[in-house]
Every structure is written in structure tokens, then in C-alpha cells.
């Protein structure tokens, strides 16, 4: 029984596999049928009809016949063969001969791919042929219009083209026979050869029409504008030399001669219609000419600056040097009373040395100005550097002088601050003694002693000769901080003493009824007499708060009032 069931299952599986393979092949056959239909539907006939509208001669006729024959062969011979193969494949599938069906399907797929490629080539060639005719017609009309315009321009403005007029005329003459050749090729149906001719003619026309548009402007630069600029620069150079300008370093005259030689070469190249390189070199020359104008203008500006500022800068240098010497004398006097940092003490000496070096440069420049053998632009730069250096040194000396003047002011401020600190410390001691305390704690006593020592140090600093204000202010700052802390500590201590007294007075009401509290208040009073005020405050506050929670807030309010 189980064998019978297993056989049925195996049979079902085989049947299922057979039907799956059958369905797969039918799907493949359907796909191949659709691909065949796509080839048959390609618009080859429509495109061939477009070719018939052209001149059916020569090359066009040959290509048309080849395409038509190929299309006819495919449709009348090859497509029926594919139909037979498709029918055969279906028959093999129906007979469950799947291997044979697969071979036929591969053969059909290979044939369809081959025919599809051939159709694609035919359509591409058709498009090139039909498109060539239209492109040729449009582009030739444009070329003819450009040719007529170029010829008209050349004849009307022949003088503007100079030696290039004749070669340009000859170059334009080559267009006419090519136009005639194009007409012959088109009329004979050789559209593709005509396309090659039009492409070459377009390239040649682009170059020729460019020459006709650009040569007049280029010749104007070469024959008129640049020579005029050269003449103007040469005259300006001569006039400036007559006015004692030193221009040898610019080497302008030598470069102008080289330019004139180049211009003669450029004319010959233009006559040969070789203008691309000439245009680049003309731009280089124009930039160089502009630089000559800038260089000459720079010399004029330099001379104006030297004429205007040479004497005043010399006077500024002299006055600054004199002020430096006076400052050095003043600095020596100040240093008898005040000690300066080594870097600052050297400022007058360093400034004087730098000014003497600037004086040497100025004297050397004076020789150049007198002998007129140096470029004014260079002398202008030197003068500006001298001016900047003098002004920087002047500012440095000015700041140094201000610092020296401030030393006396700083000393007076320090003495005034010291007097204020002495008074603050004295007031603090007086405030402590007036409080009728059992005594002054050792810590407070040590703080007062330290504050007194700090004042003593500042006093000694202010008695030194020469006076070191940097040390004075450093120690004064320490003393000020120390005394402020002493003052704050004393105030807090006295406030605590007053609070202790208020707490004990408030707590007296509970002494008879609360023995424990009474004992704690006795301990607080003992600590108070021993000058342990913090301990006394803590013990008294704890006792009162235990007897009456919230009592401390009331006492603090009453103490403030």
C-alpha cells in the first residue's frame, strides 16, 4: 500500500515538472514571436520611401537597391523560415521533447538577433543619407551667405587688409569650385560624399571668415596703435631724461627696438595669414607697453614725493634724534629716583642707535638725490621706509616718556593707598578694643600682626632709593588684600559676639525650668570667656534651638534690629 502511494507521489511530481517545463518553453516561444514581430514592424519601408524623394542616381541608387533587397530577403525568405522554426518548436514541446525544443529556440534567437542588427544598420545608414541631404542643404546656404558677405567686406575695405588682401582673395576663390562640386554630387545622388565636402568646406570657411573679421583690427594694432604708443613712450622717455630722471634701469629703449623688429615680422605673418601666434604676441606687447607707462608714471610720482618730503623727513629725523638725546638725559635723572626694568632702561640708548643708522641712510640718499643717478621710485621707497621708522621710534619714545612721567603719579597713588590701609587697620583695631571683649583670639591677633608687617614692608619699599615701583605695587596689593581680610574677619567676629550675648539673654528664661539647657549655656559662657567665640556661638545656639525650635530666627531678627 505504501509503495502504491509513493508511486503516485512520484508520478505527480513528474507530471508537475513536465508541465512546468512545457509552460517555460511556451513562454520562450511567445517571447521569440514578439521579437520577430518587432523586426517586421521596423519602419524600414517608410525610410526607403524618403530616399525615393532624393535624386535616385549613383551612390543613392546603389544604396537604395542594397537596402531594399536586404529588406525583401528578410521579409520574404528569412521571416517564413523563422515561422517554420517556431511551429516546429511548438510541436516538439507538445511531444514533450524539451531538449530538441531548446535547440530550435536557440537557433531562432540567434537568427532574430542577427536580423535585428542588420535592420539597425540599415536604419542608421538611411538616417545618415536622408539627414545628410538636409544638413548639406542648410549648411551650404549658410556658407554661401557667409561667403558673399566676406567677399563684399574684402572688396569694400581692401585697404584695411594690407598685404593679406591678395591671399585672402585667392582663398575665397577656392570656394566657388567647391560649391559647384557640391551641386554635382547632390544632383548625382552622392549625398554622403557631398556631406564630406560640406564638412571640410565648413571648417575651411570658419578659418577664412575668422581671418576676414580679425585681420583689420590686428593690422590696426600692428601698423598704427602700437607704433603710436612706442613713439609716445620714446618721446616721454626723452623728455623725462632731460628733466634729470634716471631711467636706465628700466631698459625701455632697448625693449622698444625689439618691439619694432617684432612688428615687421608680424606684418609678414599676417600676409601669410598666420595670425593665431601673432595675436597672442600682440597682446603680450600691449601688456608690456602698459607696464612701461606704469613704470614712467611711477618715476614721476616718485620724484614728486622726493621733492615734497625729502627736506621735511630730514628735519623730522633731526628733531627726533635731538628729542632722543634729551630723553636719555631725563631718563638718567629719573633713574636716580626710580628703578626701571633693564629693557625699558635701554630704550633711549637703542632708539639713539637706530636713529643714527637712519641718519646714515638719509645722508647716503642725499648724495643720490644730489647726483641724480638713482631712480626716483627707489628713493621714494627708501624715504617712506625712513619716515615709517622715524615715526615708530618717536612713538616708542613718547610711550617711554609717558611711563616716566607716570612714575611720580604712581608713587603718590601708592602713598595715598598706603595711608588708607593704615587708617583701615587702625579703625579695625579700635573697633575690636571698643567692643569690651574678654580678649582677642590668637588667630585674630596673628592676622593683625601680619597686616602690620605688610604695611611695614610697603613703607620700606617706598623709602628705597632708587624706588622700584613694580615691587611697591606688588607688595601694596598683598597688603591691601591682607587688611581687607582682617577687616572682614573682625566684623564677623564682633557680629558673632553680639549674637552670642543675645542668645544667652534669650535663653535665660529657660534656665530654671530646663537644667540641661542651663548646663549648655554655662558651657557657652565659659567658652566665651576663653575667647572661643565660634564654640560659644555653636553651643548656645544648639541649646536654645533644642528648647524652642525656631528661636534662632527670632533672635537673629532682634539682633539686627
Protein backbone atom coordinates (compact mmCIF):
# COMPACT_ATOMS: atom_id res chain seq x y z
CA UNK A 1 0.00 0.00 0.00
CA UNK A 2 2.77 2.43 0.95
CA UNK A 3 4.59 1.54 -2.31
CA UNK A 4 1.48 2.41 -4.28
CA UNK A 5 1.19 5.82 -2.53
CA UNK A 6 4.87 6.57 -3.13
CA UNK A 7 4.47 5.71 -6.82
CA UNK A 8 1.51 8.07 -7.07
CA UNK A 9 3.50 10.87 -5.42
CA UNK A 10 6.46 10.34 -7.78
CA UNK A 11 4.11 10.33 -10.74
CA UNK A 12 2.52 13.58 -9.59
CA UNK A 13 5.92 15.19 -9.22
CA UNK A 14 6.97 14.10 -12.72
CA UNK A 15 3.74 15.41 -14.18
CA UNK A 16 4.23 18.75 -12.37
CA UNK A 17 7.81 19.04 -13.68
CA UNK A 18 6.67 18.23 -17.22
CA UNK A 19 4.00 20.92 -17.10
CA UNK A 20 6.48 23.44 -15.65
CA UNK A 21 8.96 22.79 -18.48
CA UNK A 22 6.16 22.93 -21.02
CA UNK A 23 4.97 26.28 -19.69
CA UNK A 24 8.54 27.62 -19.68
CA UNK A 25 9.05 26.70 -23.34
CA UNK A 26 5.72 28.13 -24.40
CA UNK A 27 6.70 31.41 -22.70
CA UNK A 28 10.05 31.43 -24.54
CA UNK A 29 8.34 30.70 -27.88
CA UNK A 30 5.94 33.58 -27.22
CA UNK A 31 8.88 35.92 -26.49
CA UNK A 32 10.62 34.90 -29.74
CA UNK A 33 7.37 35.50 -31.65
CA UNK A 34 7.16 39.04 -30.20
CA UNK A 35 10.79 39.77 -31.12
CA UNK A 36 10.13 38.60 -34.69
CA UNK A 37 7.11 40.94 -34.86
CA UNK A 38 9.27 43.85 -33.67
CA UNK A 39 11.69 43.29 -36.56
CA UNK A 40 8.81 43.15 -39.03
CA UNK A 41 7.39 46.39 -37.61
CA UNK A 42 10.61 48.39 -38.01
CA UNK A 43 9.94 51.47 -40.22
CA UNK A 44 12.37 50.43 -42.98
CA UNK A 45 9.84 50.85 -45.78
CA UNK A 46 8.88 54.32 -44.56
CA UNK A 47 12.51 55.37 -44.56
CA UNK A 48 13.07 53.86 -48.01
CA UNK A 49 10.19 55.97 -49.29
CA UNK A 50 12.02 59.08 -48.02
CA UNK A 51 15.05 58.07 -50.10
CA UNK A 52 12.88 57.92 -53.20
CA UNK A 53 12.27 61.65 -52.79
CA UNK A 54 16.01 62.20 -53.36
CA UNK A 55 17.93 62.06 -56.61
CA UNK A 56 17.97 58.33 -57.36
CA UNK A 57 21.33 58.31 -59.08
CA UNK A 58 24.79 57.00 -58.40
CA UNK A 59 25.53 56.30 -54.79
CA UNK A 60 21.97 56.86 -53.60
CA UNK A 61 20.54 54.42 -56.14
CA UNK A 62 23.11 51.74 -55.25
CA UNK A 63 22.44 52.05 -51.53
CA UNK A 64 18.65 52.07 -52.07
CA UNK A 65 18.78 48.85 -54.06
CA UNK A 66 21.01 47.18 -51.49
CA UNK A 67 18.71 48.14 -48.59
CA UNK A 68 15.53 47.16 -50.46
CA UNK A 69 16.94 43.77 -51.49
CA UNK A 70 18.08 43.07 -47.95
CA UNK A 71 14.69 44.04 -46.51
CA UNK A 72 12.87 41.93 -49.13
CA UNK A 73 15.07 38.93 -48.39
CA UNK A 74 14.41 39.23 -44.68
CA UNK A 75 10.66 39.60 -45.03
CA UNK A 76 10.07 37.08 -47.86
CA UNK A 77 12.68 34.44 -47.07
CA UNK A 78 14.03 34.64 -43.53
CA UNK A 79 10.84 35.50 -41.65
CA UNK A 80 8.93 32.47 -43.11
CA UNK A 81 11.85 30.27 -42.03
CA UNK A 82 11.51 31.63 -38.50
CA UNK A 83 7.76 30.91 -38.61
CA UNK A 84 8.52 27.32 -39.57
CA UNK A 85 11.04 27.02 -36.75
CA UNK A 86 8.56 28.45 -34.25
CA UNK A 87 5.92 25.95 -35.40
CA UNK A 88 8.46 23.14 -35.13
CA UNK A 89 9.42 24.24 -31.60
CA UNK A 90 5.77 24.22 -30.51
CA UNK A 91 5.35 20.71 -31.96
CA UNK A 92 8.40 19.45 -30.05
CA UNK A 93 7.03 20.95 -26.82
CA UNK A 94 3.66 19.26 -27.37
CA UNK A 95 5.52 15.97 -27.75
CA UNK A 96 7.49 16.73 -24.56
CA UNK A 97 10.79 16.77 -26.49
CA UNK A 98 12.16 19.67 -24.44
CA UNK A 99 15.82 19.19 -25.41
CA UNK A 100 15.05 19.39 -29.13
CA UNK A 101 12.78 22.40 -28.46
CA UNK A 102 15.62 24.19 -26.66
CA UNK A 103 17.95 23.72 -29.68
CA UNK A 104 15.36 25.19 -32.03
CA UNK A 105 14.68 28.13 -29.67
CA UNK A 106 18.41 28.98 -29.55
CA UNK A 107 18.59 28.86 -33.36
CA UNK A 108 15.59 31.19 -33.63
CA UNK A 109 17.02 33.62 -31.02
CA UNK A 110 20.37 33.73 -32.86
CA UNK A 111 18.65 34.44 -36.22
CA UNK A 112 16.42 37.18 -34.70
CA UNK A 113 19.44 38.88 -33.08
CA UNK A 114 21.34 38.81 -36.39
CA UNK A 115 18.39 40.20 -38.37
CA UNK A 116 17.75 42.87 -35.75
CA UNK A 117 21.35 44.07 -36.00
CA UNK A 118 21.09 44.17 -39.81
CA UNK A 119 17.89 46.22 -39.60
CA UNK A 120 19.55 48.62 -37.14
CA UNK A 121 22.46 49.14 -39.58
CA UNK A 122 20.07 49.78 -42.47
CA UNK A 123 18.05 52.32 -40.46
CA UNK A 124 21.23 54.07 -39.34
CA UNK A 125 22.52 54.33 -42.92
CA UNK A 126 19.12 55.54 -44.08
CA UNK A 127 19.11 58.23 -41.39
CA UNK A 128 22.63 59.32 -42.34
CA UNK A 129 21.69 59.56 -46.00
CA UNK A 130 18.42 61.43 -45.52
CA UNK A 131 19.90 63.60 -42.73
CA UNK A 132 22.97 64.38 -44.85
CA UNK A 133 20.84 65.81 -47.62
CA UNK A 134 19.02 68.17 -45.24
CA UNK A 135 22.14 69.17 -43.33
CA UNK A 136 24.05 69.75 -46.55
CA UNK A 137 21.34 71.97 -47.96
CA UNK A 138 21.09 74.13 -44.78
CA UNK A 139 24.83 74.43 -44.18
CA UNK A 140 25.68 75.18 -47.81
CA UNK A 141 23.16 78.01 -47.86
CA UNK A 142 24.76 79.44 -44.70
CA UNK A 143 28.25 79.05 -46.19
CA UNK A 144 27.19 80.79 -49.40
CA UNK A 145 25.72 83.69 -47.41
CA UNK A 146 28.89 83.98 -45.32
CA UNK A 147 31.00 83.73 -48.48
CA UNK A 148 29.08 86.55 -50.17
CA UNK A 149 29.32 88.74 -47.06
CA UNK A 150 33.06 88.05 -46.67
CA UNK A 151 33.78 88.79 -50.32
CA UNK A 152 31.78 92.03 -50.12
CA UNK A 153 33.65 93.11 -46.96
CA UNK A 154 37.04 92.29 -48.51
CA UNK A 155 36.28 94.29 -51.68
CA UNK A 156 34.80 97.27 -49.81
CA UNK A 157 37.64 97.56 -47.26
CA UNK A 158 40.58 96.15 -49.16
CA UNK A 159 42.94 98.80 -47.75
CA UNK A 160 42.25 97.54 -44.20
CA UNK A 161 43.67 94.13 -45.09
CA UNK A 162 47.01 95.41 -46.36
CA UNK A 163 49.30 92.61 -47.56
CA UNK A 164 46.69 89.99 -46.57
CA UNK A 165 44.12 91.19 -49.16
CA UNK A 166 45.51 89.20 -52.09
CA UNK A 167 45.97 85.85 -50.28
CA UNK A 168 42.50 86.24 -48.75
CA UNK A 169 41.05 86.84 -52.24
CA UNK A 170 42.73 83.71 -53.54
CA UNK A 171 41.47 81.75 -50.57
CA UNK A 172 37.90 82.88 -51.21
CA UNK A 173 38.22 81.93 -54.88
CA UNK A 174 38.63 78.29 -53.85
CA UNK A 175 35.07 78.25 -52.51
CA UNK A 176 33.31 78.61 -55.88
CA UNK A 177 34.56 75.32 -57.45
CA UNK A 178 33.73 73.52 -54.21
CA UNK A 179 30.18 74.86 -54.29
CA UNK A 180 29.93 73.62 -57.89
CA UNK A 181 31.29 70.22 -56.89
CA UNK A 182 28.69 70.02 -54.13
CA UNK A 183 25.89 70.68 -56.64
CA UNK A 184 27.25 67.97 -58.95
CA UNK A 185 27.47 65.41 -56.14
CA UNK A 186 23.97 66.24 -54.96
CA UNK A 187 22.44 66.07 -58.40
CA UNK A 188 24.13 62.70 -58.99
CA UNK A 189 22.77 61.36 -55.66
CA UNK A 190 26.13 61.15 -53.91
CA UNK A 191 24.86 62.72 -50.68
CA UNK A 192 27.39 61.12 -48.36
CA UNK A 193 30.35 62.30 -50.44
CA UNK A 194 28.67 65.69 -50.59
CA UNK A 195 28.48 65.59 -46.77
CA UNK A 196 32.24 65.09 -46.51
CA UNK A 197 32.77 68.02 -48.86
CA UNK A 198 30.42 70.28 -46.83
CA UNK A 199 32.15 69.39 -43.53
CA UNK A 200 35.57 70.23 -45.00
CA UNK A 201 34.21 73.39 -46.57
CA UNK A 202 32.65 74.46 -43.23
CA UNK A 203 36.00 74.06 -41.44
CA UNK A 204 37.80 76.00 -44.14
CA UNK A 205 35.11 78.67 -44.13
CA UNK A 206 35.30 79.05 -40.36
CA UNK A 207 39.04 79.74 -40.60
CA UNK A 208 38.75 82.06 -43.60
CA UNK A 209 35.84 84.11 -42.25
CA UNK A 210 37.68 84.45 -38.94
CA UNK A 211 40.69 85.88 -40.81
CA UNK A 212 38.47 88.38 -42.63
CA UNK A 213 36.86 89.51 -39.35
CA UNK A 214 40.04 89.78 -37.27
CA UNK A 215 42.85 90.87 -39.62
CA UNK A 216 41.76 94.56 -39.94
CA UNK A 217 41.79 95.00 -36.14
CA UNK A 218 45.09 93.13 -35.87
CA UNK A 219 46.72 95.24 -38.59
CA UNK A 220 45.45 98.41 -36.92
CA UNK A 221 47.26 97.33 -33.76
CA UNK A 222 50.45 96.39 -35.63
CA UNK A 223 50.62 99.31 -38.07
CA UNK A 224 49.13 102.20 -36.10
CA UNK A 225 48.24 101.83 -32.43
CA UNK A 226 51.37 100.05 -31.17
CA UNK A 227 53.78 102.21 -33.25
CA UNK A 228 51.96 105.27 -31.92
CA UNK A 229 52.36 104.06 -28.34
CA UNK A 230 56.03 103.29 -28.97
CA UNK A 231 56.57 106.79 -30.35
CA UNK A 232 54.76 108.35 -27.39
CA UNK A 233 56.75 106.34 -24.84
CA UNK A 234 60.05 107.14 -26.56
CA UNK A 235 59.26 110.89 -26.54
CA UNK A 236 58.16 110.76 -22.91
CA UNK A 237 61.34 108.85 -22.02
CA UNK A 238 63.47 111.53 -23.72
CA UNK A 239 61.65 114.39 -22.00
CA UNK A 240 62.00 112.76 -18.60
CA UNK A 241 65.73 112.21 -19.12
CA UNK A 242 66.03 115.89 -20.00
CA UNK A 243 64.40 116.61 -16.62
CA UNK A 244 67.10 114.57 -14.84
CA UNK A 245 65.08 111.39 -14.39
CA UNK A 246 67.23 108.26 -14.05
CA UNK A 247 65.61 105.62 -16.31
CA UNK A 248 68.49 103.35 -17.34
CA UNK A 249 67.35 100.55 -15.05
CA UNK A 250 64.02 100.27 -16.90
CA UNK A 251 65.76 99.37 -20.23
CA UNK A 252 62.73 100.74 -22.06
CA UNK A 253 64.51 101.95 -25.23
CA UNK A 254 66.10 98.55 -25.92
CA UNK A 255 62.78 96.85 -25.46
CA UNK A 256 61.04 99.32 -27.79
CA UNK A 257 63.54 98.49 -30.54
CA UNK A 258 62.85 94.80 -30.08
CA UNK A 259 59.12 95.51 -30.37
CA UNK A 260 59.59 97.39 -33.65
CA UNK A 261 61.51 94.44 -35.10
CA UNK A 262 58.74 92.11 -33.98
CA UNK A 263 56.09 94.29 -35.63
CA UNK A 264 57.85 93.91 -39.01
CA UNK A 265 57.80 90.13 -38.58
CA UNK A 266 54.15 90.25 -37.58
CA UNK A 267 53.23 92.04 -40.85
CA UNK A 268 54.80 89.22 -42.87
CA UNK A 269 52.97 86.58 -40.86
CA UNK A 270 49.68 88.39 -41.41
CA UNK A 271 50.44 88.44 -45.16
CA UNK A 272 50.87 84.65 -44.87
CA UNK A 273 47.52 84.51 -43.00
CA UNK A 274 49.27 83.08 -39.91
CA UNK A 275 47.59 85.24 -37.26
CA UNK A 276 46.97 82.98 -34.22
CA UNK A 277 50.51 83.30 -32.86
CA UNK A 278 50.65 86.96 -33.89
CA UNK A 279 47.50 87.76 -31.90
CA UNK A 280 49.00 86.22 -28.75
CA UNK A 281 52.28 88.11 -29.14
CA UNK A 282 50.46 91.39 -29.85
CA UNK A 283 48.61 91.02 -26.53
CA UNK A 284 51.95 90.42 -24.78
CA UNK A 285 53.38 93.59 -26.37
CA UNK A 286 50.31 95.62 -25.36
CA UNK A 287 50.67 94.44 -21.76
CA UNK A 288 54.37 95.34 -21.83
CA UNK A 289 53.62 98.80 -23.23
CA UNK A 290 51.12 99.31 -20.42
CA UNK A 291 53.83 98.34 -17.95
CA UNK A 292 56.15 100.98 -19.50
CA UNK A 293 53.51 103.65 -18.94
CA UNK A 294 53.12 102.46 -15.35
CA UNK A 295 56.90 102.45 -14.79
CA UNK A 296 57.33 106.00 -16.13
CA UNK A 297 54.34 107.21 -14.12
CA UNK A 298 55.85 105.59 -11.04
CA UNK A 299 59.05 107.59 -11.56
CA UNK A 300 57.04 110.82 -11.89
CA UNK A 301 55.14 110.06 -8.69
CA UNK A 302 58.44 109.15 -7.00
CA UNK A 303 60.02 112.46 -7.96
CA UNK A 304 57.04 114.41 -6.62
CA UNK A 305 57.26 112.55 -3.36
CA UNK A 306 61.02 113.08 -3.04
CA UNK A 307 60.76 116.78 -3.90
CA UNK A 308 57.93 117.25 -1.42
CA UNK A 309 59.15 115.16 1.52
CA UNK A 310 62.95 114.87 1.36
CA UNK A 311 63.68 118.01 3.40
CA UNK A 312 60.79 117.53 5.87
CA UNK A 313 61.81 113.93 6.60
CA UNK A 314 65.37 115.10 7.22
CA UNK A 315 64.09 117.72 9.65
CA UNK A 316 61.86 115.10 11.32
CA UNK A 317 64.87 112.81 11.70
CA UNK A 318 66.96 115.61 13.19
CA UNK A 319 64.27 116.68 15.66
CA UNK A 320 63.60 113.08 16.72
CA UNK A 321 67.32 112.49 17.26
CA UNK A 322 67.52 115.66 19.38
CA UNK A 323 64.47 114.59 21.39
CA UNK A 324 66.09 111.20 21.95
CA UNK A 325 69.21 112.77 23.36
CA UNK A 326 67.11 114.94 25.69
CA UNK A 327 65.09 111.91 26.73
CA UNK A 328 68.28 110.00 27.52
CA UNK A 329 69.39 112.80 29.88
CA UNK A 330 65.96 112.88 31.51
CA UNK A 331 65.95 109.11 31.87
CA UNK A 332 69.29 109.23 33.72
CA UNK A 333 67.81 111.75 36.16
CA UNK A 334 64.66 109.69 36.66
CA UNK A 335 66.69 106.54 37.32
CA UNK A 336 68.29 108.23 40.30
CA UNK A 337 64.87 108.24 41.95
CA UNK A 338 63.18 105.24 40.33
CA UNK A 339 64.46 101.85 39.32
CA UNK A 340 63.47 100.93 35.72
CA UNK A 341 63.34 97.41 34.23
CA UNK A 342 66.51 96.71 32.22
CA UNK A 343 64.54 96.53 28.96
CA UNK A 344 62.99 99.96 29.50
CA UNK A 345 66.23 101.47 30.75
CA UNK A 346 67.85 100.59 27.39
CA UNK A 347 65.14 102.28 25.28
CA UNK A 348 66.84 105.72 24.96
CA UNK A 349 70.14 104.10 24.00
CA UNK A 350 68.55 101.72 21.49
CA UNK A 351 66.47 104.49 19.94
CA UNK A 352 69.54 106.66 19.51
CA UNK A 353 71.50 103.88 17.84
CA UNK A 354 68.64 103.18 15.42
CA UNK A 355 68.23 106.87 14.63
CA UNK A 356 71.95 107.22 13.91
CA UNK A 357 71.68 104.29 11.49
CA UNK A 358 68.70 106.02 9.84
CA UNK A 359 70.77 109.20 9.65
CA UNK A 360 73.45 107.33 7.69
CA UNK A 361 70.84 106.02 5.23
CA UNK A 362 69.42 109.51 4.86
CA UNK A 363 72.87 111.00 4.19
CA UNK A 364 73.54 108.35 1.54
CA UNK A 365 70.15 109.12 -0.02
CA UNK A 366 71.00 112.82 -0.03
CA UNK A 367 74.02 112.05 -2.23
CA UNK A 368 71.79 110.11 -4.65
CA UNK A 369 69.27 112.98 -4.79
CA UNK A 370 72.04 115.47 -5.44
CA UNK A 371 73.80 113.42 -8.14
CA UNK A 372 70.51 112.35 -9.81
CA UNK A 373 71.88 108.89 -10.65
CA UNK A 374 69.20 106.80 -8.99
CA UNK A 375 65.59 106.02 -9.78
CA UNK A 376 63.13 108.28 -8.01
CA UNK A 377 60.84 105.31 -7.38
CA UNK A 378 63.62 103.61 -5.39
CA UNK A 379 64.40 106.82 -3.49
CA UNK A 380 60.68 107.18 -2.72
CA UNK A 381 60.63 103.70 -1.19
CA UNK A 382 63.70 104.49 0.93
CA UNK A 383 62.18 107.78 2.10
CA UNK A 384 58.91 106.06 3.06
CA UNK A 385 60.80 103.40 4.98
CA UNK A 386 62.79 106.13 6.79
CA UNK A 387 59.62 108.04 7.58
CA UNK A 388 57.88 104.94 8.99
CA UNK A 389 60.93 104.01 11.07
CA UNK A 390 61.28 107.54 12.47
CA UNK A 391 57.60 107.69 13.39
CA UNK A 392 57.76 104.26 15.08
CA UNK A 393 60.78 105.32 17.14
CA UNK A 394 59.07 108.60 18.00
CA UNK A 395 56.02 106.71 19.27
CA UNK A 396 58.22 104.37 21.29
CA UNK A 397 59.98 107.33 22.91
CA UNK A 398 56.65 109.06 23.55
CA UNK A 399 55.33 105.99 25.36
CA UNK A 400 58.58 105.77 27.35
CA UNK A 401 58.32 109.43 28.35
CA UNK A 402 54.72 108.91 29.46
CA UNK A 403 55.76 105.95 31.60
CA UNK A 404 58.50 108.05 33.25
CA UNK A 405 56.04 110.87 33.92
CA UNK A 406 53.63 108.38 35.44
CA UNK A 407 56.23 107.11 37.91
CA UNK A 408 55.73 110.14 40.21
CA UNK A 409 51.95 109.84 39.85
CA UNK A 410 52.16 106.12 40.64
CA UNK A 411 54.28 106.87 43.71
CA UNK A 412 51.74 109.38 45.02
CA UNK A 413 48.90 106.94 44.41
CA UNK A 414 50.81 104.20 46.24
CA UNK A 415 51.43 106.50 49.25
CA UNK A 416 47.77 107.53 49.33
CA UNK A 417 46.68 103.87 49.19
CA UNK A 418 49.14 103.06 51.98
CA UNK A 419 47.67 105.81 54.20
CA UNK A 420 44.17 104.45 53.55
CA UNK A 421 45.30 100.96 54.53
CA UNK A 422 46.91 102.28 57.71
CA UNK A 423 43.69 104.03 58.63
CA UNK A 424 41.61 100.92 57.85
CA UNK A 425 43.85 98.77 60.05
CA UNK A 426 43.80 101.36 62.84
CA UNK A 427 39.99 101.61 62.65
CA UNK A 428 39.73 97.83 62.79
CA UNK A 429 41.90 97.62 65.92
CA UNK A 430 39.94 100.45 67.55
CA UNK A 431 36.64 98.72 66.72
CA UNK A 432 37.87 95.50 68.35
CA UNK A 433 39.09 97.25 71.52
CA UNK A 434 35.85 99.26 71.91
CA UNK A 435 33.81 96.04 71.88
CA UNK A 436 34.85 95.23 75.51
CA UNK A 437 35.63 91.63 74.62
CA UNK A 438 37.09 89.23 77.18
CA UNK A 439 40.07 89.21 74.91
CA UNK A 440 41.29 88.94 71.33
CA UNK A 441 41.69 85.39 69.93
CA UNK A 442 45.21 84.34 68.96
CA UNK A 443 44.18 83.87 65.33
CA UNK A 444 42.84 87.43 65.09
CA UNK A 445 45.90 88.75 66.89
CA UNK A 446 48.12 86.94 64.34
CA UNK A 447 46.15 88.42 61.47
CA UNK A 448 46.52 91.94 62.86
CA UNK A 449 50.22 91.40 63.29
CA UNK A 450 50.57 90.11 59.72
CA UNK A 451 48.68 93.16 58.39
CA UNK A 452 51.00 95.46 60.34
CA UNK A 453 54.00 93.62 58.87
CA UNK A 454 52.65 94.04 55.35
CA UNK A 455 52.30 97.79 55.84
CA UNK A 456 55.82 97.90 57.21
CA UNK A 457 57.15 96.18 54.07
CA UNK A 458 55.47 98.72 51.79
CA UNK A 459 56.80 101.59 53.89
CA UNK A 460 60.34 100.21 53.49
CA UNK A 461 59.79 99.79 49.72
CA UNK A 462 58.79 103.44 49.44
CA UNK A 463 61.93 104.53 51.30
CA UNK A 464 64.31 102.78 48.89
CA UNK A 465 66.40 104.88 46.50
CA UNK A 466 66.03 104.38 43.59
CA UNK A 467 62.40 103.46 44.07
CA UNK A 468 61.20 100.19 42.49
CA UNK A 469 57.54 100.90 41.72
CA UNK A 470 56.95 97.39 40.42
CA UNK A 471 57.92 95.94 43.83
CA UNK A 472 55.95 98.67 45.63
CA UNK A 473 52.72 97.85 43.80
CA UNK A 474 53.23 94.12 44.19
CA UNK A 475 53.61 94.36 47.98
CA UNK A 476 50.92 97.04 48.22
CA UNK A 477 48.44 94.67 46.56
CA UNK A 478 49.34 91.94 49.08
CA UNK A 479 48.92 94.36 51.99
CA UNK A 480 45.58 95.61 50.68
CA UNK A 481 44.21 92.07 50.38
CA UNK A 482 45.52 91.15 53.85
CA UNK A 483 43.97 94.19 55.61
CA UNK A 484 40.62 93.76 53.85
CA UNK A 485 40.51 90.15 55.06
CA UNK A 486 41.40 91.28 58.61
CA UNK A 487 38.65 93.88 58.50
CA UNK A 488 36.07 91.35 57.29
CA UNK A 489 37.12 88.76 59.89
CA UNK A 490 36.90 91.34 62.70
CA UNK A 491 33.41 92.43 61.63
CA UNK A 492 32.23 88.82 61.52
CA UNK A 493 33.77 88.13 64.94
CA UNK A 494 32.04 91.13 66.56
CA UNK A 495 28.71 90.20 64.96
CA UNK A 496 29.06 86.69 66.41
CA UNK A 497 29.88 88.13 69.88
CA UNK A 498 26.75 90.27 69.77
CA UNK A 499 24.70 87.27 68.63
CA UNK A 500 26.09 85.14 71.49
CA UNK A 501 25.02 87.73 74.04
CA UNK A 502 21.53 87.90 72.51
CA UNK A 503 21.19 84.09 72.55
CA UNK A 504 22.26 83.82 76.22
CA UNK A 505 19.87 86.62 77.19
CA UNK A 506 17.04 84.88 75.34
CA UNK A 507 17.91 81.53 76.87
CA UNK A 508 17.95 82.82 80.44
CA UNK A 509 14.17 82.42 80.55
CA UNK A 510 14.59 78.60 80.33
CA UNK A 511 17.42 78.16 82.86
CA UNK A 512 15.21 77.39 85.88
CA UNK A 513 12.89 75.01 84.06
CA UNK A 514 15.45 73.31 81.80
CA UNK A 515 18.57 72.12 83.66
CA UNK A 516 20.13 70.63 80.53
CA UNK A 517 19.86 73.92 78.72
CA UNK A 518 21.20 75.72 81.77
CA UNK A 519 24.26 73.50 81.70
CA UNK A 520 24.83 74.15 77.97
CA UNK A 521 24.58 77.91 78.46
CA UNK A 522 27.16 77.66 81.24
CA UNK A 523 29.48 75.87 78.78
CA UNK A 524 28.83 78.59 76.19
CA UNK A 525 29.64 81.33 78.72
CA UNK A 526 32.88 79.51 79.65
CA UNK A 527 33.91 79.26 76.00
CA UNK A 528 33.07 82.97 75.56
CA UNK A 529 35.34 83.91 78.47
CA UNK A 530 38.09 81.76 76.96
CA UNK A 531 37.75 83.80 73.72
CA UNK A 532 36.48 80.76 71.83
CA UNK A 533 33.67 82.73 70.28
CA UNK A 534 32.82 80.27 67.49
CA UNK A 535 32.47 77.43 70.03
CA UNK A 536 30.37 79.62 72.34
CA UNK A 537 28.04 80.57 69.46
CA UNK A 538 27.57 76.96 68.39
CA UNK A 539 26.87 75.69 71.95
CA UNK A 540 24.43 78.50 72.85
CA UNK A 541 22.55 78.27 69.56
CA UNK A 542 22.17 74.48 69.89
CA UNK A 543 20.81 74.81 73.47
CA UNK A 544 18.21 77.48 72.64
CA UNK A 545 17.08 75.77 69.42
CA UNK A 546 16.62 72.49 71.34
CA UNK A 547 14.45 74.20 73.96
CA UNK A 548 12.48 76.27 71.45
CA UNK A 549 12.69 75.23 67.77
CA UNK A 550 12.85 78.28 65.52
CA UNK A 551 14.15 80.52 68.29
CA UNK A 552 17.35 81.35 66.37
CA UNK A 553 15.41 83.07 63.60
CA UNK A 554 13.69 85.32 66.16
CA UNK A 555 16.99 86.11 67.88
CA UNK A 556 18.71 86.99 64.59
CA UNK A 557 15.89 89.38 63.68
CA UNK A 558 16.06 91.03 67.10
CA UNK A 559 19.86 91.29 66.87
CA UNK A 560 19.61 93.07 63.52
CA UNK A 561 17.04 95.49 64.84
